[in-house]
mmCIF file of all heavy atoms, coordinates in Angstrom:
data_MODEL
# 
_entry.id   MODEL 
# 
loop_
_atom_site.group_PDB 
_atom_site.id 
_atom_site.type_symbol 
_atom_site.label_atom_id 
_atom_site.label_alt_id 
_atom_site.label_comp_id 
_atom_site.label_asym_id 
_atom_site.label_entity_id 
_atom_site.label_seq_id 
_atom_site.pdbx_PDB_ins_code 
_atom_site.Cartn_x 
_atom_site.Cartn_y 
_atom_site.Cartn_z 
_atom_site.occupancy 
_atom_site.B_iso_or_equiv 
_atom_site.pdbx_formal_charge 
_atom_site.auth_seq_id 
_atom_site.auth_comp_id 
_atom_site.auth_asym_id 
_atom_site.auth_atom_id 
_atom_site.pdbx_PDB_model_num 
ATOM 1   N N   . GLY A 1 1  ? -6.403 -36.787 1.826   1.00 0.00 ? 1  GLY A N   1 
ATOM 2   C CA  . GLY A 1 1  ? -6.019 -36.558 0.386   1.00 0.00 ? 1  GLY A CA  1 
ATOM 3   C C   . GLY A 1 1  ? -5.312 -35.403 0.218   1.00 0.00 ? 1  GLY A C   1 
ATOM 4   O O   . GLY A 1 1  ? -5.036 -34.558 1.040   1.00 0.00 ? 1  GLY A O   1 
ATOM 5   N N   . PRO A 1 2  ? -4.953 -35.102 -1.158  1.00 0.00 ? 2  PRO A N   1 
ATOM 6   C CA  . PRO A 1 2  ? -4.008 -33.970 -1.549  1.00 0.00 ? 2  PRO A CA  1 
ATOM 7   C C   . PRO A 1 2  ? -4.741 -32.739 -1.212  1.00 0.00 ? 2  PRO A C   1 
ATOM 8   O O   . PRO A 1 2  ? -3.965 -31.756 -0.800  1.00 0.00 ? 2  PRO A O   1 
ATOM 9   C CB  . PRO A 1 2  ? -3.936 -34.142 -3.057  1.00 0.00 ? 2  PRO A CB  1 
ATOM 10  C CG  . PRO A 1 2  ? -4.277 -35.582 -3.266  1.00 0.00 ? 2  PRO A CG  1 
ATOM 11  C CD  . PRO A 1 2  ? -5.122 -36.042 -2.231  1.00 0.00 ? 2  PRO A CD  1 
ATOM 12  N N   . GLY A 1 3  ? -6.017 -32.469 -1.306  1.00 0.00 ? 3  GLY A N   1 
ATOM 13  C CA  . GLY A 1 3  ? -6.521 -31.212 -0.936  1.00 0.00 ? 3  GLY A CA  1 
ATOM 14  C C   . GLY A 1 3  ? -6.573 -30.994 0.489   1.00 0.00 ? 3  GLY A C   1 
ATOM 15  O O   . GLY A 1 3  ? -6.759 -29.708 1.085   1.00 0.00 ? 3  GLY A O   1 
ATOM 16  N N   . ASP A 1 4  ? -6.344 -31.875 1.338   1.00 0.00 ? 4  ASP A N   1 
ATOM 17  C CA  . ASP A 1 4  ? -6.512 -31.736 2.805   1.00 0.00 ? 4  ASP A CA  1 
ATOM 18  C C   . ASP A 1 4  ? -5.372 -30.914 3.311   1.00 0.00 ? 4  ASP A C   1 
ATOM 19  O O   . ASP A 1 4  ? -5.686 -29.941 4.216   1.00 0.00 ? 4  ASP A O   1 
ATOM 20  C CB  . ASP A 1 4  ? -6.449 -33.053 3.583   1.00 0.00 ? 4  ASP A CB  1 
ATOM 21  C CG  . ASP A 1 4  ? -7.795 -33.902 3.285   1.00 0.00 ? 4  ASP A CG  1 
ATOM 22  O OD1 . ASP A 1 4  ? -8.757 -33.293 3.107   1.00 0.00 ? 4  ASP A OD1 1 
ATOM 23  O OD2 . ASP A 1 4  ? -7.653 -35.180 3.318   1.00 0.00 ? 4  ASP A OD2 1 
ATOM 24  N N   . GLU A 1 5  ? -4.101 -31.029 2.892   1.00 0.00 ? 5  GLU A N   1 
ATOM 25  C CA  . GLU A 1 5  ? -3.061 -30.164 3.289   1.00 0.00 ? 5  GLU A CA  1 
ATOM 26  C C   . GLU A 1 5  ? -3.357 -28.760 2.968   1.00 0.00 ? 5  GLU A C   1 
ATOM 27  O O   . GLU A 1 5  ? -3.086 -27.880 3.883   1.00 0.00 ? 5  GLU A O   1 
ATOM 28  C CB  . GLU A 1 5  ? -1.839 -30.632 2.519   1.00 0.00 ? 5  GLU A CB  1 
ATOM 29  C CG  . GLU A 1 5  ? -0.635 -29.833 3.118   1.00 0.00 ? 5  GLU A CG  1 
ATOM 30  C CD  . GLU A 1 5  ? 0.714  -30.321 2.529   1.00 0.00 ? 5  GLU A CD  1 
ATOM 31  O OE1 . GLU A 1 5  ? 0.733  -31.354 1.837   1.00 0.00 ? 5  GLU A OE1 1 
ATOM 32  O OE2 . GLU A 1 5  ? 1.615  -29.647 2.743   1.00 0.00 ? 5  GLU A OE2 1 
ATOM 33  N N   . HIS A 1 6  ? -3.881 -28.356 1.854   1.00 0.00 ? 6  HIS A N   1 
ATOM 34  C CA  . HIS A 1 6  ? -4.295 -26.996 1.630   1.00 0.00 ? 6  HIS A CA  1 
ATOM 35  C C   . HIS A 1 6  ? -5.301 -26.414 2.591   1.00 0.00 ? 6  HIS A C   1 
ATOM 36  O O   . HIS A 1 6  ? -5.247 -25.335 3.102   1.00 0.00 ? 6  HIS A O   1 
ATOM 37  C CB  . HIS A 1 6  ? -4.734 -26.916 0.185   1.00 0.00 ? 6  HIS A CB  1 
ATOM 38  C CG  . HIS A 1 6  ? -5.023 -25.464 -0.256  1.00 0.00 ? 6  HIS A CG  1 
ATOM 39  N ND1 . HIS A 1 6  ? -6.286 -24.951 -0.155  1.00 0.00 ? 6  HIS A ND1 1 
ATOM 40  C CD2 . HIS A 1 6  ? -4.344 -24.411 -0.766  1.00 0.00 ? 6  HIS A CD2 1 
ATOM 41  C CE1 . HIS A 1 6  ? -6.374 -23.605 -0.512  1.00 0.00 ? 6  HIS A CE1 1 
ATOM 42  N NE2 . HIS A 1 6  ? -5.162 -23.304 -0.816  1.00 0.00 ? 6  HIS A NE2 1 
ATOM 43  N N   . SER A 1 7  ? -6.371 -27.187 2.803   1.00 0.00 ? 7  SER A N   1 
ATOM 44  C CA  . SER A 1 7  ? -7.339 -26.774 3.772   1.00 0.00 ? 7  SER A CA  1 
ATOM 45  C C   . SER A 1 7  ? -6.968 -26.586 5.162   1.00 0.00 ? 7  SER A C   1 
ATOM 46  O O   . SER A 1 7  ? -7.617 -25.886 6.011   1.00 0.00 ? 7  SER A O   1 
ATOM 47  C CB  . SER A 1 7  ? -8.626 -27.766 3.652   1.00 0.00 ? 7  SER A CB  1 
ATOM 48  O OG  . SER A 1 7  ? -8.319 -28.924 4.346   1.00 0.00 ? 7  SER A OG  1 
ATOM 49  N N   . LEU A 1 8  ? -5.807 -27.257 5.569   1.00 0.00 ? 8  LEU A N   1 
ATOM 50  C CA  . LEU A 1 8  ? -5.417 -27.094 6.954   1.00 0.00 ? 8  LEU A CA  1 
ATOM 51  C C   . LEU A 1 8  ? -4.251 -26.112 7.031   1.00 0.00 ? 8  LEU A C   1 
ATOM 52  O O   . LEU A 1 8  ? -3.791 -25.883 8.251   1.00 0.00 ? 8  LEU A O   1 
ATOM 53  C CB  . LEU A 1 8  ? -4.918 -28.434 7.433   1.00 0.00 ? 8  LEU A CB  1 
ATOM 54  C CG  . LEU A 1 8  ? -6.137 -29.549 7.558   1.00 0.00 ? 8  LEU A CG  1 
ATOM 55  C CD1 . LEU A 1 8  ? -5.541 -30.827 7.831   1.00 0.00 ? 8  LEU A CD1 1 
ATOM 56  C CD2 . LEU A 1 8  ? -7.203 -29.142 8.509   1.00 0.00 ? 8  LEU A CD2 1 
ATOM 57  N N   . THR A 1 9  ? -3.775 -25.481 6.013   1.00 0.00 ? 9  THR A N   1 
ATOM 58  C CA  . THR A 1 9  ? -2.664 -24.707 6.013   1.00 0.00 ? 9  THR A CA  1 
ATOM 59  C C   . THR A 1 9  ? -2.884 -23.406 6.819   1.00 0.00 ? 9  THR A C   1 
ATOM 60  O O   . THR A 1 9  ? -1.945 -22.878 7.415   1.00 0.00 ? 9  THR A O   1 
ATOM 61  C CB  . THR A 1 9  ? -2.234 -24.303 4.622   1.00 0.00 ? 9  THR A CB  1 
ATOM 62  O OG1 . THR A 1 9  ? -2.027 -25.366 3.871   1.00 0.00 ? 9  THR A OG1 1 
ATOM 63  C CG2 . THR A 1 9  ? -1.104 -23.342 4.510   1.00 0.00 ? 9  THR A CG2 1 
ATOM 64  N N   . HIS A 1 10 ? -4.099 -23.004 7.109   1.00 0.00 ? 10 HIS A N   1 
ATOM 65  C CA  . HIS A 1 10 ? -4.282 -21.850 7.879   1.00 0.00 ? 10 HIS A CA  1 
ATOM 66  C C   . HIS A 1 10 ? -3.710 -21.964 9.305   1.00 0.00 ? 10 HIS A C   1 
ATOM 67  O O   . HIS A 1 10 ? -3.253 -20.888 9.858   1.00 0.00 ? 10 HIS A O   1 
ATOM 68  C CB  . HIS A 1 10 ? -5.858 -21.460 8.020   1.00 0.00 ? 10 HIS A CB  1 
ATOM 69  C CG  . HIS A 1 10 ? -6.671 -22.390 8.675   1.00 0.00 ? 10 HIS A CG  1 
ATOM 70  N ND1 . HIS A 1 10 ? -6.894 -22.428 9.994   1.00 0.00 ? 10 HIS A ND1 1 
ATOM 71  C CD2 . HIS A 1 10 ? -7.235 -23.588 8.271   1.00 0.00 ? 10 HIS A CD2 1 
ATOM 72  C CE1 . HIS A 1 10 ? -7.704 -23.439 10.348  1.00 0.00 ? 10 HIS A CE1 1 
ATOM 73  N NE2 . HIS A 1 10 ? -7.997 -24.184 9.324   1.00 0.00 ? 10 HIS A NE2 1 
ATOM 74  N N   . PHE A 1 11 ? -3.579 -23.177 9.785   1.00 0.00 ? 11 PHE A N   1 
ATOM 75  C CA  . PHE A 1 11 ? -3.007 -23.377 11.106  1.00 0.00 ? 11 PHE A CA  1 
ATOM 76  C C   . PHE A 1 11 ? -1.517 -22.965 11.013  1.00 0.00 ? 11 PHE A C   1 
ATOM 77  O O   . PHE A 1 11 ? -0.902 -22.401 11.950  1.00 0.00 ? 11 PHE A O   1 
ATOM 78  C CB  . PHE A 1 11 ? -3.179 -24.725 11.550  1.00 0.00 ? 11 PHE A CB  1 
ATOM 79  C CG  . PHE A 1 11 ? -4.630 -25.247 11.867  1.00 0.00 ? 11 PHE A CG  1 
ATOM 80  C CD1 . PHE A 1 11 ? -5.209 -26.144 11.108  1.00 0.00 ? 11 PHE A CD1 1 
ATOM 81  C CD2 . PHE A 1 11 ? -5.225 -24.613 12.865  1.00 0.00 ? 11 PHE A CD2 1 
ATOM 82  C CE1 . PHE A 1 11 ? -6.463 -26.517 11.409  1.00 0.00 ? 11 PHE A CE1 1 
ATOM 83  C CE2 . PHE A 1 11 ? -6.524 -24.981 13.288  1.00 0.00 ? 11 PHE A CE2 1 
ATOM 84  C CZ  . PHE A 1 11 ? -7.120 -25.934 12.536  1.00 0.00 ? 11 PHE A CZ  1 
ATOM 85  N N   . ASN A 1 12 ? -0.822 -23.346 9.928   1.00 0.00 ? 12 ASN A N   1 
ATOM 86  C CA  . ASN A 1 12 ? 0.623  -23.044 9.806   1.00 0.00 ? 12 ASN A CA  1 
ATOM 87  C C   . ASN A 1 12 ? 0.793  -21.443 9.638   1.00 0.00 ? 12 ASN A C   1 
ATOM 88  O O   . ASN A 1 12 ? 1.744  -20.959 10.112  1.00 0.00 ? 12 ASN A O   1 
ATOM 89  C CB  . ASN A 1 12 ? 1.226  -23.640 8.493   1.00 0.00 ? 12 ASN A CB  1 
ATOM 90  C CG  . ASN A 1 12 ? 1.176  -25.185 8.580   1.00 0.00 ? 12 ASN A CG  1 
ATOM 91  O OD1 . ASN A 1 12 ? 0.093  -25.846 8.483   1.00 0.00 ? 12 ASN A OD1 1 
ATOM 92  N ND2 . ASN A 1 12 ? 2.227  -25.860 8.845   1.00 0.00 ? 12 ASN A ND2 1 
ATOM 93  N N   . ILE A 1 13 ? -0.129 -20.850 8.898   1.00 0.00 ? 13 ILE A N   1 
ATOM 94  C CA  . ILE A 1 13 ? -0.057 -19.402 8.782   1.00 0.00 ? 13 ILE A CA  1 
ATOM 95  C C   . ILE A 1 13 ? -0.202 -18.719 10.022  1.00 0.00 ? 13 ILE A C   1 
ATOM 96  O O   . ILE A 1 13 ? 0.510  -17.766 10.487  1.00 0.00 ? 13 ILE A O   1 
ATOM 97  C CB  . ILE A 1 13 ? -0.977 -19.076 7.675   1.00 0.00 ? 13 ILE A CB  1 
ATOM 98  C CG1 . ILE A 1 13 ? -0.525 -19.434 6.394   1.00 0.00 ? 13 ILE A CG1 1 
ATOM 99  C CG2 . ILE A 1 13 ? -1.191 -17.403 7.718   1.00 0.00 ? 13 ILE A CG2 1 
ATOM 100 C CD1 . ILE A 1 13 ? -1.524 -19.402 5.192   1.00 0.00 ? 13 ILE A CD1 1 
ATOM 101 N N   . GLU A 1 14 ? -1.237 -19.101 10.836  1.00 0.00 ? 14 GLU A N   1 
ATOM 102 C CA  . GLU A 1 14 ? -1.552 -18.572 12.276  1.00 0.00 ? 14 GLU A CA  1 
ATOM 103 C C   . GLU A 1 14 ? -0.282 -18.728 13.103  1.00 0.00 ? 14 GLU A C   1 
ATOM 104 O O   . GLU A 1 14 ? -0.057 -17.922 13.963  1.00 0.00 ? 14 GLU A O   1 
ATOM 105 C CB  . GLU A 1 14 ? -2.667 -19.238 12.767  1.00 0.00 ? 14 GLU A CB  1 
ATOM 106 C CG  . GLU A 1 14 ? -4.011 -18.832 12.166  1.00 0.00 ? 14 GLU A CG  1 
ATOM 107 C CD  . GLU A 1 14 ? -5.136 -19.767 12.561  1.00 0.00 ? 14 GLU A CD  1 
ATOM 108 O OE1 . GLU A 1 14 ? -5.066 -20.581 13.462  1.00 0.00 ? 14 GLU A OE1 1 
ATOM 109 O OE2 . GLU A 1 14 ? -6.262 -19.561 11.916  1.00 0.00 ? 14 GLU A OE2 1 
ATOM 110 N N   . ALA A 1 15 ? 0.545  -19.717 12.889  1.00 0.00 ? 15 ALA A N   1 
ATOM 111 C CA  . ALA A 1 15 ? 1.700  -19.966 13.625  1.00 0.00 ? 15 ALA A CA  1 
ATOM 112 C C   . ALA A 1 15 ? 2.880  -19.211 13.152  1.00 0.00 ? 15 ALA A C   1 
ATOM 113 O O   . ALA A 1 15 ? 4.019  -19.281 13.696  1.00 0.00 ? 15 ALA A O   1 
ATOM 114 C CB  . ALA A 1 15 ? 2.126  -21.457 13.726  1.00 0.00 ? 15 ALA A CB  1 
ATOM 115 N N   . GLY A 1 16 ? 2.660  -18.514 12.060  1.00 0.00 ? 16 GLY A N   1 
ATOM 116 C CA  . GLY A 1 16 ? 3.685  -17.636 11.571  1.00 0.00 ? 16 GLY A CA  1 
ATOM 117 C C   . GLY A 1 16 ? 4.528  -18.046 10.351  1.00 0.00 ? 16 GLY A C   1 
ATOM 118 O O   . GLY A 1 16 ? 5.443  -17.352 9.758   1.00 0.00 ? 16 GLY A O   1 
ATOM 119 N N   . GLU A 1 17 ? 4.055  -19.068 9.593   1.00 0.00 ? 17 GLU A N   1 
ATOM 120 C CA  . GLU A 1 17 ? 4.666  -19.515 8.416   1.00 0.00 ? 17 GLU A CA  1 
ATOM 121 C C   . GLU A 1 17 ? 4.199  -18.729 7.166   1.00 0.00 ? 17 GLU A C   1 
ATOM 122 O O   . GLU A 1 17 ? 3.071  -18.172 7.170   1.00 0.00 ? 17 GLU A O   1 
ATOM 123 C CB  . GLU A 1 17 ? 4.376  -20.960 8.160   1.00 0.00 ? 17 GLU A CB  1 
ATOM 124 C CG  . GLU A 1 17 ? 5.245  -22.021 8.900   1.00 0.00 ? 17 GLU A CG  1 
ATOM 125 C CD  . GLU A 1 17 ? 4.943  -23.433 8.335   1.00 0.00 ? 17 GLU A CD  1 
ATOM 126 O OE1 . GLU A 1 17 ? 5.409  -23.657 7.094   1.00 0.00 ? 17 GLU A OE1 1 
ATOM 127 O OE2 . GLU A 1 17 ? 4.393  -24.215 9.120   1.00 0.00 ? 17 GLU A OE2 1 
ATOM 128 N N   . ASP A 1 18 ? 5.079  -18.496 6.237   1.00 0.00 ? 18 ASP A N   1 
ATOM 129 C CA  . ASP A 1 18 ? 4.731  -17.876 5.042   1.00 0.00 ? 18 ASP A CA  1 
ATOM 130 C C   . ASP A 1 18 ? 4.568  -19.014 3.956   1.00 0.00 ? 18 ASP A C   1 
ATOM 131 O O   . ASP A 1 18 ? 5.684  -19.502 3.575   1.00 0.00 ? 18 ASP A O   1 
ATOM 132 C CB  . ASP A 1 18 ? 5.630  -16.760 4.651   1.00 0.00 ? 18 ASP A CB  1 
ATOM 133 C CG  . ASP A 1 18 ? 5.377  -15.997 3.464   1.00 0.00 ? 18 ASP A CG  1 
ATOM 134 O OD1 . ASP A 1 18 ? 4.185  -16.091 2.891   1.00 0.00 ? 18 ASP A OD1 1 
ATOM 135 O OD2 . ASP A 1 18 ? 6.252  -15.220 2.938   1.00 0.00 ? 18 ASP A OD2 1 
ATOM 136 N N   . ILE A 1 19 ? 3.434  -19.387 3.535   1.00 0.00 ? 19 ILE A N   1 
ATOM 137 C CA  . ILE A 1 19 ? 3.194  -20.528 2.700   1.00 0.00 ? 19 ILE A CA  1 
ATOM 138 C C   . ILE A 1 19 ? 2.956  -20.063 1.220   1.00 0.00 ? 19 ILE A C   1 
ATOM 139 O O   . ILE A 1 19 ? 2.043  -19.149 0.965   1.00 0.00 ? 19 ILE A O   1 
ATOM 140 C CB  . ILE A 1 19 ? 2.117  -21.315 3.149   1.00 0.00 ? 19 ILE A CB  1 
ATOM 141 C CG1 . ILE A 1 19 ? 2.193  -21.777 4.704   1.00 0.00 ? 19 ILE A CG1 1 
ATOM 142 C CG2 . ILE A 1 19 ? 1.833  -22.477 2.382   1.00 0.00 ? 19 ILE A CG2 1 
ATOM 143 C CD1 . ILE A 1 19 ? 3.175  -22.735 4.887   1.00 0.00 ? 19 ILE A CD1 1 
ATOM 144 N N   . HIS A 1 20 ? 3.636  -20.590 0.426   1.00 0.00 ? 20 HIS A N   1 
ATOM 145 C CA  . HIS A 1 20 ? 3.381  -20.419 -1.170  1.00 0.00 ? 20 HIS A CA  1 
ATOM 146 C C   . HIS A 1 20 ? 3.404  -21.857 -1.673  1.00 0.00 ? 20 HIS A C   1 
ATOM 147 O O   . HIS A 1 20 ? 3.887  -22.782 -1.237  1.00 0.00 ? 20 HIS A O   1 
ATOM 148 C CB  . HIS A 1 20 ? 4.589  -19.744 -1.777  1.00 0.00 ? 20 HIS A CB  1 
ATOM 149 C CG  . HIS A 1 20 ? 4.746  -18.260 -1.515  1.00 0.00 ? 20 HIS A CG  1 
ATOM 150 N ND1 . HIS A 1 20 ? 4.833  -17.711 -0.188  1.00 0.00 ? 20 HIS A ND1 1 
ATOM 151 C CD2 . HIS A 1 20 ? 4.632  -17.182 -2.388  1.00 0.00 ? 20 HIS A CD2 1 
ATOM 152 C CE1 . HIS A 1 20 ? 4.790  -16.333 -0.308  1.00 0.00 ? 20 HIS A CE1 1 
ATOM 153 N NE2 . HIS A 1 20 ? 4.726  -16.045 -1.614  1.00 0.00 ? 20 HIS A NE2 1 
ATOM 154 N N   . TRP A 1 21 ? 2.606  -21.836 -2.727  1.00 0.00 ? 21 TRP A N   1 
ATOM 155 C CA  . TRP A 1 21 ? 2.340  -23.136 -3.503  1.00 0.00 ? 21 TRP A CA  1 
ATOM 156 C C   . TRP A 1 21 ? 2.875  -22.976 -5.054  1.00 0.00 ? 21 TRP A C   1 
ATOM 157 O O   . TRP A 1 21 ? 2.803  -21.876 -5.644  1.00 0.00 ? 21 TRP A O   1 
ATOM 158 C CB  . TRP A 1 21 ? 0.910  -23.402 -3.596  1.00 0.00 ? 21 TRP A CB  1 
ATOM 159 C CG  . TRP A 1 21 ? 0.394  -23.563 -2.216  1.00 0.00 ? 21 TRP A CG  1 
ATOM 160 C CD1 . TRP A 1 21 ? -0.254 -22.619 -1.550  1.00 0.00 ? 21 TRP A CD1 1 
ATOM 161 C CD2 . TRP A 1 21 ? -0.033 -24.805 -1.490  1.00 0.00 ? 21 TRP A CD2 1 
ATOM 162 N NE1 . TRP A 1 21 ? -0.706 -23.165 -0.274  1.00 0.00 ? 21 TRP A NE1 1 
ATOM 163 C CE2 . TRP A 1 21 ? -0.562 -24.437 -0.350  1.00 0.00 ? 21 TRP A CE2 1 
ATOM 164 C CE3 . TRP A 1 21 ? 0.342  -26.115 -1.756  1.00 0.00 ? 21 TRP A CE3 1 
ATOM 165 C CZ2 . TRP A 1 21 ? -0.909 -25.399 0.604   1.00 0.00 ? 21 TRP A CZ2 1 
ATOM 166 C CZ3 . TRP A 1 21 ? -0.102 -27.117 -0.812  1.00 0.00 ? 21 TRP A CZ3 1 
ATOM 167 C CH2 . TRP A 1 21 ? -0.621 -26.680 0.340   1.00 0.00 ? 21 TRP A CH2 1 
ATOM 168 N N   . LEU A 1 22 ? 3.515  -23.976 -5.422  1.00 0.00 ? 22 LEU A N   1 
ATOM 169 C CA  . LEU A 1 22 ? 4.029  -24.070 -6.874  1.00 0.00 ? 22 LEU A CA  1 
ATOM 170 C C   . LEU A 1 22 ? 3.613  -25.363 -7.491  1.00 0.00 ? 22 LEU A C   1 
ATOM 171 O O   . LEU A 1 22 ? 4.305  -26.364 -7.351  1.00 0.00 ? 22 LEU A O   1 
ATOM 172 C CB  . LEU A 1 22 ? 5.521  -23.903 -6.834  1.00 0.00 ? 22 LEU A CB  1 
ATOM 173 C CG  . LEU A 1 22 ? 6.146  -23.787 -8.252  1.00 0.00 ? 22 LEU A CG  1 
ATOM 174 C CD1 . LEU A 1 22 ? 5.645  -22.501 -8.947  1.00 0.00 ? 22 LEU A CD1 1 
ATOM 175 C CD2 . LEU A 1 22 ? 7.680  -23.623 -8.217  1.00 0.00 ? 22 LEU A CD2 1 
ATOM 176 N N   . PRO A 1 23 ? 2.571  -25.308 -8.160  1.00 0.00 ? 23 PRO A N   1 
ATOM 177 C CA  . PRO A 1 23 ? 2.274  -26.514 -9.005  1.00 0.00 ? 23 PRO A CA  1 
ATOM 178 C C   . PRO A 1 23 ? 3.271  -26.923 -9.908  1.00 0.00 ? 23 PRO A C   1 
ATOM 179 O O   . PRO A 1 23 ? 3.852  -25.954 -10.474 1.00 0.00 ? 23 PRO A O   1 
ATOM 180 C CB  . PRO A 1 23 ? 0.981  -26.075 -9.761  1.00 0.00 ? 23 PRO A CB  1 
ATOM 181 C CG  . PRO A 1 23 ? 0.383  -24.795 -9.083  1.00 0.00 ? 23 PRO A CG  1 
ATOM 182 C CD  . PRO A 1 23 ? 1.641  -24.218 -8.454  1.00 0.00 ? 23 PRO A CD  1 
ATOM 183 N N   . ARG A 1 24 ? 3.455  -28.260 -10.216 1.00 0.00 ? 24 ARG A N   1 
ATOM 184 C CA  . ARG A 1 24 ? 4.600  -28.682 -10.920 1.00 0.00 ? 24 ARG A CA  1 
ATOM 185 C C   . ARG A 1 24 ? 4.429  -28.122 -12.404 1.00 0.00 ? 24 ARG A C   1 
ATOM 186 O O   . ARG A 1 24 ? 5.446  -27.942 -13.073 1.00 0.00 ? 24 ARG A O   1 
ATOM 187 C CB  . ARG A 1 24 ? 4.679  -30.105 -10.869 1.00 0.00 ? 24 ARG A CB  1 
ATOM 188 C CG  . ARG A 1 24 ? 5.236  -30.526 -9.521  1.00 0.00 ? 24 ARG A CG  1 
ATOM 189 C CD  . ARG A 1 24 ? 5.225  -32.130 -9.276  1.00 0.00 ? 24 ARG A CD  1 
ATOM 190 N NE  . ARG A 1 24 ? 5.389  -32.396 -7.962  1.00 0.00 ? 24 ARG A NE  1 
ATOM 191 C CZ  . ARG A 1 24 ? 6.636  -32.795 -7.331  1.00 0.00 ? 24 ARG A CZ  1 
ATOM 192 N NH1 . ARG A 1 24 ? 7.646  -32.819 -8.044  1.00 0.00 ? 24 ARG A NH1 1 
ATOM 193 N NH2 . ARG A 1 24 ? 6.687  -33.178 -6.056  1.00 0.00 ? 24 ARG A NH2 1 
ATOM 194 N N   . HIS A 1 25 ? 3.271  -27.943 -12.820 1.00 0.00 ? 25 HIS A N   1 
ATOM 195 C CA  . HIS A 1 25 ? 3.155  -27.506 -14.285 1.00 0.00 ? 25 HIS A CA  1 
ATOM 196 C C   . HIS A 1 25 ? 3.663  -26.092 -14.329 1.00 0.00 ? 25 HIS A C   1 
ATOM 197 O O   . HIS A 1 25 ? 3.860  -25.712 -15.531 1.00 0.00 ? 25 HIS A O   1 
ATOM 198 C CB  . HIS A 1 25 ? 1.592  -27.621 -14.701 1.00 0.00 ? 25 HIS A CB  1 
ATOM 199 C CG  . HIS A 1 25 ? 0.721  -26.683 -14.174 1.00 0.00 ? 25 HIS A CG  1 
ATOM 200 N ND1 . HIS A 1 25 ? -0.029 -26.952 -12.955 1.00 0.00 ? 25 HIS A ND1 1 
ATOM 201 C CD2 . HIS A 1 25 ? 0.286  -25.498 -14.557 1.00 0.00 ? 25 HIS A CD2 1 
ATOM 202 C CE1 . HIS A 1 25 ? -0.753 -25.916 -12.621 1.00 0.00 ? 25 HIS A CE1 1 
ATOM 203 N NE2 . HIS A 1 25 ? -0.712 -25.072 -13.694 1.00 0.00 ? 25 HIS A NE2 1 
# 
C-alpha cells in the first residue's frame, strides 16, 4: 500500500539517498 514505501525508505537512506517527500497538496 501507499504507506509501505515510506516505511521501507530507511533502506534507501542507508544506501546514501537523500529522500524528501512533497505531498501534492
